[in-house]
Amino acid sequence: MNQNSKTNGANTSVKVLAIVSNGITIEAFGSVYFLPYITNPWFENAKISDVFNIEPVGRFGVRWDALDVDLAIESFIHPEKYPLIAK
């Protein structure tokens, strides 16, 4: 699901731009992020429709409901602060 809206002038749009062999690219809150499978393994074998089903969580996160995955935008910017990944 692609969520597009504006709240108090803030861009709250989130969407998946691409799924490639080593990760996914998303646009969230006006910025583009690449999420490699090595640090985000829950996307690698997921159904394409589930990966594209993304929604905003507040002003600083995204959620893939079908995958039961919630991620903070901060984890894309500073992955070293979030060393735990799913096994």
PDB file of N, CA and C in Angstrom:
ATOM      1  N   MET A   1       0.847  -1.174   0.000  1.00  0.00           N
ATOM      2  CA  MET A   1       0.000   0.000   0.000  1.00  0.00           C
ATOM      3  C   MET A   1       0.889   1.232   0.000  1.00  0.00           C
ATOM      4  N   ASN A   2       0.607   2.136  -0.863  1.00  0.00           N
ATOM      5  CA  ASN A   2       1.356   3.384  -0.949  1.00  0.00           C
ATOM      6  C   ASN A   2       0.573   4.459  -0.215  1.00  0.00           C
ATOM      7  N   GLN A   3       1.152   4.995   0.822  1.00  0.00           N
ATOM      8  CA  GLN A   3       0.483   6.029   1.611  1.00  0.00           C
ATOM      9  C   GLN A   3       1.056   7.381   1.200  1.00  0.00           C
ATOM     10  N   ASN A   4       0.202   8.281   0.752  1.00  0.00           N
ATOM     11  CA  ASN A   4       0.629   9.624   0.393  1.00  0.00           C
ATOM     12  C   ASN A   4      -0.270  10.616   1.097  1.00  0.00           C
ATOM     13  N   SER A   5       0.313  11.480   1.900  1.00  0.00           N
ATOM     14  CA  SER A   5      -0.464  12.532   2.536  1.00  0.00           C
ATOM     15  C   SER A   5       0.473  13.626   3.016  1.00  0.00           C
ATOM     16  N   LYS A   6      -0.111  14.720   3.363  1.00  0.00           N
ATOM     17  CA  LYS A   6       0.645  15.829   3.929  1.00  0.00           C
ATOM     18  C   LYS A   6       0.021  16.166   5.274  1.00  0.00           C
ATOM     19  N   THR A   7       0.846  16.291   6.286  1.00  0.00           N
ATOM     20  CA  THR A   7       0.375  16.661   7.605  1.00  0.00           C
ATOM     21  C   THR A   7       1.203  17.832   8.093  1.00  0.00           C
ATOM     22  N   ASN A   8       0.550  18.978   8.263  1.00  0.00           N
ATOM     23  CA  ASN A   8       1.232  20.184   8.724  1.00  0.00           C
ATOM     24  C   ASN A   8       2.459  20.503   7.876  1.00  0.00           C
ATOM     25  N   GLY A   9       2.375  20.278   6.579  1.00  0.00           N
ATOM     26  CA  GLY A   9       3.484  20.577   5.681  1.00  0.00           C
ATOM     27  C   GLY A   9       4.550  19.507   5.633  1.00  0.00           C
ATOM     28  N   ALA A  10       4.462  18.479   6.480  1.00  0.00           N
ATOM     29  CA  ALA A  10       5.471  17.425   6.497  1.00  0.00           C
ATOM     30  C   ALA A  10       5.101  16.358   5.469  1.00  0.00           C
ATOM     31  N   ASN A  11       6.101  15.858   4.754  1.00  0.00           N
ATOM     32  CA  ASN A  11       5.878  14.800   3.777  1.00  0.00           C
ATOM     33  C   ASN A  11       5.788  13.471   4.529  1.00  0.00           C
ATOM     34  N   THR A  12       4.641  12.826   4.476  1.00  0.00           N
ATOM     35  CA  THR A  12       4.448  11.542   5.154  1.00  0.00           C
ATOM     36  C   THR A  12       4.293  10.401   4.159  1.00  0.00           C
ATOM     37  N   SER A  13       4.755  10.612   2.940  1.00  0.00           N
ATOM     38  CA  SER A  13       4.646   9.609   1.894  1.00  0.00           C
ATOM     39  C   SER A  13       5.689   8.511   2.103  1.00  0.00           C
ATOM     40  N   VAL A  14       5.258   7.262   1.940  1.00  0.00           N
ATOM     41  CA  VAL A  14       6.188   6.129   1.962  1.00  0.00           C
ATOM     42  C   VAL A  14       5.828   5.190   0.815  1.00  0.00           C
ATOM     43  N   LYS A  15       6.850   4.698   0.119  1.00  0.00           N
ATOM     44  CA  LYS A  15       6.612   3.735  -0.952  1.00  0.00           C
ATOM     45  C   LYS A  15       7.890   2.986  -1.274  1.00  0.00           C
ATOM     46  N   VAL A  16       7.719   1.794  -1.806  1.00  0.00           N
ATOM     47  CA  VAL A  16       8.850   1.002  -2.279  1.00  0.00           C
ATOM     48  C   VAL A  16       9.105   1.417  -3.720  1.00  0.00           C
ATOM     49  N   LEU A  17      10.344   1.788  -4.013  1.00  0.00           N
ATOM     50  CA  LEU A  17      10.715   2.217  -5.362  1.00  0.00           C
ATOM     51  C   LEU A  17      11.254   1.068  -6.202  1.00  0.00           C
ATOM     52  N   ALA A  18      11.981   0.130  -5.550  1.00  0.00           N
ATOM     53  CA  ALA A  18      12.598  -0.960  -6.312  1.00  0.00           C
ATOM     54  C   ALA A  18      12.897  -2.147  -5.412  1.00  0.00           C
ATOM     55  N   ILE A  19      12.824  -3.329  -6.007  1.00  0.00           N
ATOM     56  CA  ILE A  19      13.273  -4.562  -5.373  1.00  0.00           C
ATOM     57  C   ILE A  19      14.342  -5.128  -6.293  1.00  0.00           C
ATOM     58  N   VAL A  20      15.559  -5.269  -5.778  1.00  0.00           N
ATOM     59  CA  VAL A  20      16.668  -5.773  -6.593  1.00  0.00           C
ATOM     60  C   VAL A  20      17.305  -6.973  -5.903  1.00  0.00           C
ATOM     61  N   SER A  21      18.303  -7.555  -6.515  1.00  0.00           N
ATOM     62  CA  SER A  21      18.880  -8.804  -6.033  1.00  0.00           C
ATOM     63  C   SER A  21      19.526  -8.710  -4.657  1.00  0.00           C
ATOM     64  N   ASN A  22      19.927  -7.509  -4.228  1.00  0.00           N
ATOM     65  CA  ASN A  22      20.601  -7.389  -2.934  1.00  0.00           C
ATOM     66  C   ASN A  22      19.870  -6.504  -1.928  1.00  0.00           C
ATOM     67  N   GLY A  23      18.642  -6.057  -2.244  1.00  0.00           N
ATOM     68  CA  GLY A  23      17.897  -5.262  -1.279  1.00  0.00           C
ATOM     69  C   GLY A  23      16.725  -4.538  -1.905  1.00  0.00           C
ATOM     70  N   ILE A  24      16.142  -3.639  -1.120  1.00  0.00           N
ATOM     71  CA  ILE A  24      15.028  -2.839  -1.615  1.00  0.00           C
ATOM     72  C   ILE A  24      15.343  -1.364  -1.434  1.00  0.00           C
ATOM     73  N   THR A  25      14.749  -0.540  -2.278  1.00  0.00           N
ATOM     74  CA  THR A  25      14.880   0.901  -2.173  1.00  0.00           C
ATOM     75  C   THR A  25      13.503   1.457  -1.851  1.00  0.00           C
ATOM     76  N   ILE A  26      13.460   2.288  -0.811  1.00  0.00           N
ATOM     77  CA  ILE A  26      12.197   2.905  -0.441  1.00  0.00           C
ATOM     78  C   ILE A  26      12.352   4.417  -0.418  1.00  0.00           C
ATOM     79  N   GLU A  27      11.232   5.084  -0.592  1.00  0.00           N
ATOM     80  CA  GLU A  27      11.166   6.523  -0.370  1.00  0.00           C
ATOM     81  C   GLU A  27      10.281   6.714   0.848  1.00  0.00           C
ATOM     82  N   ALA A  28      10.799   7.432   1.832  1.00  0.00           N
ATOM     83  CA  ALA A  28      10.047   7.645   3.065  1.00  0.00           C
ATOM     84  C   ALA A  28      10.275   9.060   3.569  1.00  0.00           C
ATOM     85  N   PHE A  29       9.179   9.768   3.747  1.00  0.00           N
ATOM     86  CA  PHE A  29       9.212  11.110   4.327  1.00  0.00           C
ATOM     87  C   PHE A  29      10.151  12.047   3.568  1.00  0.00           C
ATOM     88  N   GLY A  30      10.162  11.912   2.240  1.00  0.00           N
ATOM     89  CA  GLY A  30      10.930  12.814   1.394  1.00  0.00           C
ATOM     90  C   GLY A  30      12.365  12.420   1.120  1.00  0.00           C
ATOM     91  N   SER A  31      12.826  11.272   1.635  1.00  0.00           N
ATOM     92  CA  SER A  31      14.190  10.802   1.395  1.00  0.00           C
ATOM     93  C   SER A  31      14.157   9.382   0.842  1.00  0.00           C
ATOM     94  N   VAL A  32      15.223   9.002   0.147  1.00  0.00           N
ATOM     95  CA  VAL A  32      15.336   7.673  -0.453  1.00  0.00           C
ATOM     96  C   VAL A  32      16.374   6.870   0.334  1.00  0.00           C
ATOM     97  N   TYR A  33      16.036   5.604   0.624  1.00  0.00           N
ATOM     98  CA  TYR A  33      16.907   4.727   1.402  1.00  0.00           C
ATOM     99  C   TYR A  33      17.020   3.377   0.717  1.00  0.00           C
ATOM    100  N   PHE A  34      18.224   2.786   0.785  1.00  0.00           N
ATOM    101  CA  PHE A  34      18.439   1.422   0.307  1.00  0.00           C
ATOM    102  C   PHE A  34      18.560   0.524   1.524  1.00  0.00           C
ATOM    103  N   LEU A  35      17.785  -0.537   1.570  1.00  0.00           N
ATOM    104  CA  LEU A  35      17.804  -1.491   2.673  1.00  0.00           C
ATOM    105  C   LEU A  35      18.346  -2.814   2.151  1.00  0.00           C
ATOM    106  N   PRO A  36      19.635  -3.099   2.397  1.00  0.00           N
ATOM    107  CA  PRO A  36      20.215  -4.348   1.891  1.00  0.00           C
ATOM    108  C   PRO A  36      19.674  -5.554   2.661  1.00  0.00           C
ATOM    109  N   TYR A  37      19.560  -6.676   1.973  1.00  0.00           N
ATOM    110  CA  TYR A  37      19.067  -7.891   2.601  1.00  0.00           C
ATOM    111  C   TYR A  37      19.978  -8.371   3.724  1.00  0.00           C
ATOM    112  N   ILE A  38      21.251  -8.070   3.636  1.00  0.00           N
ATOM    113  CA  ILE A  38      22.188  -8.539   4.661  1.00  0.00           C
ATOM    114  C   ILE A  38      21.830  -7.999   6.042  1.00  0.00           C
ATOM    115  N   THR A  39      21.262  -6.786   6.099  1.00  0.00           N
ATOM    116  CA  THR A  39      20.844  -6.220   7.384  1.00  0.00           C
ATOM    117  C   THR A  39      19.333  -6.186   7.550  1.00  0.00           C
ATOM    118  N   ASN A  40      18.614  -6.561   6.509  1.00  0.00           N
ATOM    119  CA  ASN A  40      17.151  -6.587   6.522  1.00  0.00           C
ATOM    120  C   ASN A  40      16.666  -7.881   5.872  1.00  0.00           C
ATOM    121  N   PRO A  41      17.014  -9.030   6.446  1.00  0.00           N
ATOM    122  CA  PRO A  41      16.771 -10.315   5.786  1.00  0.00           C
ATOM    123  C   PRO A  41      15.304 -10.681   5.610  1.00  0.00           C
ATOM    124  N   TRP A  42      14.413 -10.065   6.355  1.00  0.00           N
ATOM    125  CA  TRP A  42      12.984 -10.417   6.250  1.00  0.00           C
ATOM    126  C   TRP A  42      12.387 -10.062   4.898  1.00  0.00           C
ATOM    127  N   PHE A  43      13.058  -9.232   4.102  1.00  0.00           N
ATOM    128  CA  PHE A  43      12.550  -8.864   2.774  1.00  0.00           C
ATOM    129  C   PHE A  43      13.013  -9.809   1.665  1.00  0.00           C
ATOM    130  N   GLU A  44      14.107 -10.503   1.873  1.00  0.00           N
ATOM    131  CA  GLU A  44      14.735 -11.275   0.798  1.00  0.00           C
ATOM    132  C   GLU A  44      13.830 -12.338   0.184  1.00  0.00           C
ATOM    133  N   ASN A  45      13.103 -13.070   0.982  1.00  0.00           N
ATOM    134  CA  ASN A  45      12.249 -14.139   0.464  1.00  0.00           C
ATOM    135  C   ASN A  45      10.764 -13.832   0.613  1.00  0.00           C
ATOM    136  N   ALA A  46      10.452 -12.572   0.890  1.00  0.00           N
ATOM    137  CA  ALA A  46       9.053 -12.161   1.056  1.00  0.00           C
ATOM    138  C   ALA A  46       8.355 -12.075  -0.296  1.00  0.00           C
ATOM    139  N   LYS A  47       7.033 -12.205  -0.271  1.00  0.00           N
ATOM    140  CA  LYS A  47       6.256 -12.006  -1.487  1.00  0.00           C
ATOM    141  C   LYS A  47       6.365 -10.544  -1.905  1.00  0.00           C
ATOM    142  N   ILE A  48       6.453 -10.312  -3.190  1.00  0.00           N
ATOM    143  CA  ILE A  48       6.576  -8.958  -3.719  1.00  0.00           C
ATOM    144  C   ILE A  48       5.428  -8.081  -3.229  1.00  0.00           C
ATOM    145  N   SER A  49       4.230  -8.610  -3.242  1.00  0.00           N
ATOM    146  CA  SER A  49       3.077  -7.820  -2.802  1.00  0.00           C
ATOM    147  C   SER A  49       3.214  -7.415  -1.338  1.00  0.00           C
ATOM    148  N   ASP A  50       3.833  -8.258  -0.509  1.00  0.00           N
ATOM    149  CA  ASP A  50       4.031  -7.915   0.901  1.00  0.00           C
ATOM    150  C   ASP A  50       5.080  -6.832   1.076  1.00  0.00           C
ATOM    151  N   VAL A  51       6.123  -6.854   0.249  1.00  0.00           N
ATOM    152  CA  VAL A  51       7.168  -5.817   0.332  1.00  0.00           C
ATOM    153  C   VAL A  51       6.602  -4.462  -0.092  1.00  0.00           C
ATOM    154  N   PHE A  52       5.766  -4.451  -1.115  1.00  0.00           N
ATOM    155  CA  PHE A  52       5.182  -3.198  -1.582  1.00  0.00           C
ATOM    156  C   PHE A  52       4.094  -2.660  -0.643  1.00  0.00           C
ATOM    157  N   ASN A  53       3.648  -3.469   0.281  1.00  0.00           N
ATOM    158  CA  ASN A  53       2.598  -3.063   1.219  1.00  0.00           C
ATOM    159  C   ASN A  53       3.233  -2.361   2.426  1.00  0.00           C
ATOM    160  N   ILE A  54       3.650  -1.133   2.221  1.00  0.00           N
ATOM    161  CA  ILE A  54       4.355  -0.344   3.225  1.00  0.00           C
ATOM    162  C   ILE A  54       3.462   0.808   3.680  1.00  0.00           C
ATOM    163  N   GLU A  55       3.584   1.178   4.942  1.00  0.00           N
ATOM    164  CA  GLU A  55       2.804   2.302   5.458  1.00  0.00           C
ATOM    165  C   GLU A  55       3.624   3.079   6.483  1.00  0.00           C
ATOM    166  N   PRO A  56       3.344   4.369   6.629  1.00  0.00           N
ATOM    167  CA  PRO A  56       4.072   5.156   7.618  1.00  0.00           C
ATOM    168  C   PRO A  56       3.627   4.805   9.031  1.00  0.00           C
ATOM    169  N   VAL A  57       4.553   4.944   9.966  1.00  0.00           N
ATOM    170  CA  VAL A  57       4.257   4.800  11.391  1.00  0.00           C
ATOM    171  C   VAL A  57       4.702   6.095  12.048  1.00  0.00           C
ATOM    172  N   GLY A  58       3.734   6.897  12.415  1.00  0.00           N
ATOM    173  CA  GLY A  58       4.077   8.199  12.979  1.00  0.00           C
ATOM    174  C   GLY A  58       4.829   9.034  11.959  1.00  0.00           C
ATOM    175  N   ARG A  59       5.794   9.799  12.441  1.00  0.00           N
ATOM    176  CA  ARG A  59       6.596  10.649  11.556  1.00  0.00           C
ATOM    177  C   ARG A  59       8.002  10.103  11.334  1.00  0.00           C
ATOM    178  N   PHE A  60       8.320   8.973  12.008  1.00  0.00           N
ATOM    179  CA  PHE A  60       9.701   8.517  11.969  1.00  0.00           C
ATOM    180  C   PHE A  60       9.864   7.014  11.760  1.00  0.00           C
ATOM    181  N   GLY A  61       8.858   6.369  11.193  1.00  0.00           N
ATOM    182  CA  GLY A  61       8.972   4.936  11.000  1.00  0.00           C
ATOM    183  C   GLY A  61       8.121   4.432   9.855  1.00  0.00           C
ATOM    184  N   VAL A  62       8.362   3.189   9.482  1.00  0.00           N
ATOM    185  CA  VAL A  62       7.602   2.521   8.427  1.00  0.00           C
ATOM    186  C   VAL A  62       7.241   1.120   8.900  1.00  0.00           C
ATOM    187  N   ARG A  63       6.164   0.588   8.321  1.00  0.00           N
ATOM    188  CA  ARG A  63       5.686  -0.739   8.711  1.00  0.00           C
ATOM    189  C   ARG A  63       5.271  -1.535   7.488  1.00  0.00           C
ATOM    190  N   TRP A  64       5.628  -2.820   7.534  1.00  0.00           N
ATOM    191  CA  TRP A  64       5.157  -3.807   6.573  1.00  0.00           C
ATOM    192  C   TRP A  64       4.278  -4.759   7.370  1.00  0.00           C
ATOM    193  N   ASP A  65       2.972  -4.533   7.350  1.00  0.00           N
ATOM    194  CA  ASP A  65       2.040  -5.275   8.186  1.00  0.00           C
ATOM    195  C   ASP A  65       2.076  -6.772   7.903  1.00  0.00           C
ATOM    196  N   ALA A  66       2.043  -7.178   6.648  1.00  0.00           N
ATOM    197  CA  ALA A  66       2.025  -8.598   6.302  1.00  0.00           C
ATOM    198  C   ALA A  66       3.289  -9.322   6.741  1.00  0.00           C
ATOM    199  N   LEU A  67       4.395  -8.588   6.861  1.00  0.00           N
ATOM    200  CA  LEU A  67       5.668  -9.177   7.278  1.00  0.00           C
ATOM    201  C   LEU A  67       5.918  -9.002   8.768  1.00  0.00           C
ATOM    202  N   ASP A  68       5.054  -8.246   9.445  1.00  0.00           N
ATOM    203  CA  ASP A  68       5.201  -7.916  10.864  1.00  0.00           C
ATOM    204  C   ASP A  68       6.561  -7.262  11.129  1.00  0.00           C
ATOM    205  N   VAL A  69       6.903  -6.281  10.271  1.00  0.00           N
ATOM    206  CA  VAL A  69       8.178  -5.562  10.374  1.00  0.00           C
ATOM    207  C   VAL A  69       7.892  -4.074  10.545  1.00  0.00           C
ATOM    208  N   ASP A  70       8.454  -3.502  11.606  1.00  0.00           N
ATOM    209  CA  ASP A  70       8.407  -2.062  11.857  1.00  0.00           C
ATOM    210  C   ASP A  70       9.842  -1.574  11.953  1.00  0.00           C
ATOM    211  N   LEU A  71      10.176  -0.528  11.219  1.00  0.00           N
ATOM    212  CA  LEU A  71      11.542  -0.002  11.251  1.00  0.00           C
ATOM    213  C   LEU A  71      11.521   1.508  11.452  1.00  0.00           C
ATOM    214  N   ALA A  72      12.460   1.982  12.250  1.00  0.00           N
ATOM    215  CA  ALA A  72      12.643   3.414  12.445  1.00  0.00           C
ATOM    216  C   ALA A  72      13.525   3.954  11.329  1.00  0.00           C
ATOM    217  N   ILE A  73      13.181   5.125  10.820  1.00  0.00           N
ATOM    218  CA  ILE A  73      14.002   5.766   9.785  1.00  0.00           C
ATOM    219  C   ILE A  73      15.434   5.936  10.287  1.00  0.00           C
ATOM    220  N   GLU A  74      15.593   6.192  11.553  1.00  0.00           N
ATOM    221  CA  GLU A  74      16.929   6.343  12.147  1.00  0.00           C
ATOM    222  C   GLU A  74      17.800   5.111  11.886  1.00  0.00           C
ATOM    223  N   SER A  75      17.197   3.933  11.818  1.00  0.00           N
ATOM    224  CA  SER A  75      17.977   2.711  11.578  1.00  0.00           C
ATOM    225  C   SER A  75      18.526   2.644  10.161  1.00  0.00           C
ATOM    226  N   PHE A  76      17.936   3.382   9.217  1.00  0.00           N
ATOM    227  CA  PHE A  76      18.467   3.442   7.849  1.00  0.00           C
ATOM    228  C   PHE A  76      19.652   4.389   7.786  1.00  0.00           C
ATOM    229  N   ILE A  77      19.581   5.458   8.560  1.00  0.00           N
ATOM    230  CA  ILE A  77      20.605   6.493   8.547  1.00  0.00           C
ATOM    231  C   ILE A  77      21.830   6.076   9.353  1.00  0.00           C
ATOM    232  N   HIS A  78      21.605   5.429  10.499  1.00  0.00           N
ATOM    233  CA  HIS A  78      22.688   5.001  11.396  1.00  0.00           C
ATOM    234  C   HIS A  78      22.527   3.533  11.769  1.00  0.00           C
ATOM    235  N   PRO A  79      22.723   2.626  10.800  1.00  0.00           N
ATOM    236  CA  PRO A  79      22.523   1.195  11.094  1.00  0.00           C
ATOM    237  C   PRO A  79      23.446   0.671  12.183  1.00  0.00           C
ATOM    238  N   GLU A  80      24.583   1.318  12.396  1.00  0.00           N
ATOM    239  CA  GLU A  80      25.512   0.877  13.446  1.00  0.00           C
ATOM    240  C   GLU A  80      24.899   1.000  14.841  1.00  0.00           C
ATOM    241  N   LYS A  81      23.889   1.834  15.000  1.00  0.00           N
ATOM    242  CA  LYS A  81      23.211   1.982  16.290  1.00  0.00           C
ATOM    243  C   LYS A  81      22.170   0.891  16.516  1.00  0.00           C
ATOM    244  N   TYR A  82      21.912   0.084  15.476  1.00  0.00           N
ATOM    245  CA  TYR A  82      20.899  -0.964  15.521  1.00  0.00           C
ATOM    246  C   TYR A  82      21.523  -2.289  15.078  1.00  0.00           C
ATOM    247  N   PRO A  83      22.402  -2.858  15.911  1.00  0.00           N
ATOM    248  CA  PRO A  83      23.160  -4.038  15.486  1.00  0.00           C
ATOM    249  C   PRO A  83      22.356  -5.334  15.403  1.00  0.00           C
ATOM    250  N   LEU A  84      21.195  -5.410  16.027  1.00  0.00           N
ATOM    251  CA  LEU A  84      20.431  -6.645  16.007  1.00  0.00           C
ATOM    252  C   LEU A  84      19.649  -6.764  14.722  1.00  0.00           C
ATOM    253  N   ILE A  85      19.731  -7.933  14.092  1.00  0.00           N
ATOM    254  CA  ILE A  85      18.940  -8.207  12.886  1.00  0.00           C
ATOM    255  C   ILE A  85      18.247  -9.550  13.078  1.00  0.00           C
ATOM    256  N   ALA A  86      17.214  -9.778  12.320  1.00  0.00           N
ATOM    257  CA  ALA A  86      16.489 -11.054  12.416  1.00  0.00           C
ATOM    258  C   ALA A  86      17.358 -12.183  11.906  1.00  0.00           C
ATOM    259  N   LYS A  87      17.207 -13.315  12.491  1.00  0.00           N
ATOM    260  CA  LYS A  87      17.967 -14.507  12.070  1.00  0.00           C
ATOM    261  C   LYS A  87      17.028 -15.484  11.414  1.00  0.00           C
TER     262      LYS A  87
END
